[in-house]
Amino acid sequence: MLSKQEPILFYSSNHQCKAQVKTLLTDSEYQVMSGHKLQDLPQIKALSYFHLILFCPGENLEEELDYLQEVKRFYPGFELPIILLDPASVIEDSYDLVSLGIQDYRNNLMSSKALKFSIARQLNRREKHFKQENKIKQLDKENKAKNKLLEEVSLKAQESERLKTAFLNNISHEMRTPK
């Protein structure tokens, strides 16, 4: 189950989108910080506080999409999911949203239920991503411990082999040498 007050960053330079989303998220369980200029947004490194970005481009499309690319370079995959809302269809089909790292693209007006479902789905994906990352880190830690143990056992086996060879050489020498 998702925790209450998930922090979400909502950016919109599109006034229609801003009004609609603000209305949809007013009674929500999300803590929403919003801005309508790129300068209003936190530094990219500070975005780690947020669990999701709702992004409505508008006036400065190129600049806004460049910002999204920079965010996704810094937070790849589902580390910081982005839902791109484009009710005014300002983004042309020529933009490759996959290369932008957009997990969800909506170019139609959404109901409150649909928007909340989309947000919940992305937050769940993010949570699964972090659980998988933690599992991978745990498995990596276990593998390193096992590799260290194997290395120690291998060194002991090599030492035993060296001692055995020295013993057999000594016995062989003693058997061949008359007293």
Foldseek 3Di string as FASTA:
>chain_A
DDDFAQEEEEEALPPVVVVQVCVLCVPHRHDYDYDHDPVPDDDLVVCLSHQEYEYEYDDCVVVRLVVLQVNCVVQPDLSYAYEYEACVPPDDPPDDVVSSRHPHYHNHRDHSVVVVVVVVVSSVVNVVVVVVVVVVVVVVVVVVVVVVVVVVVVVVVVVVVVVVVVVVVVVVVVVPDDD
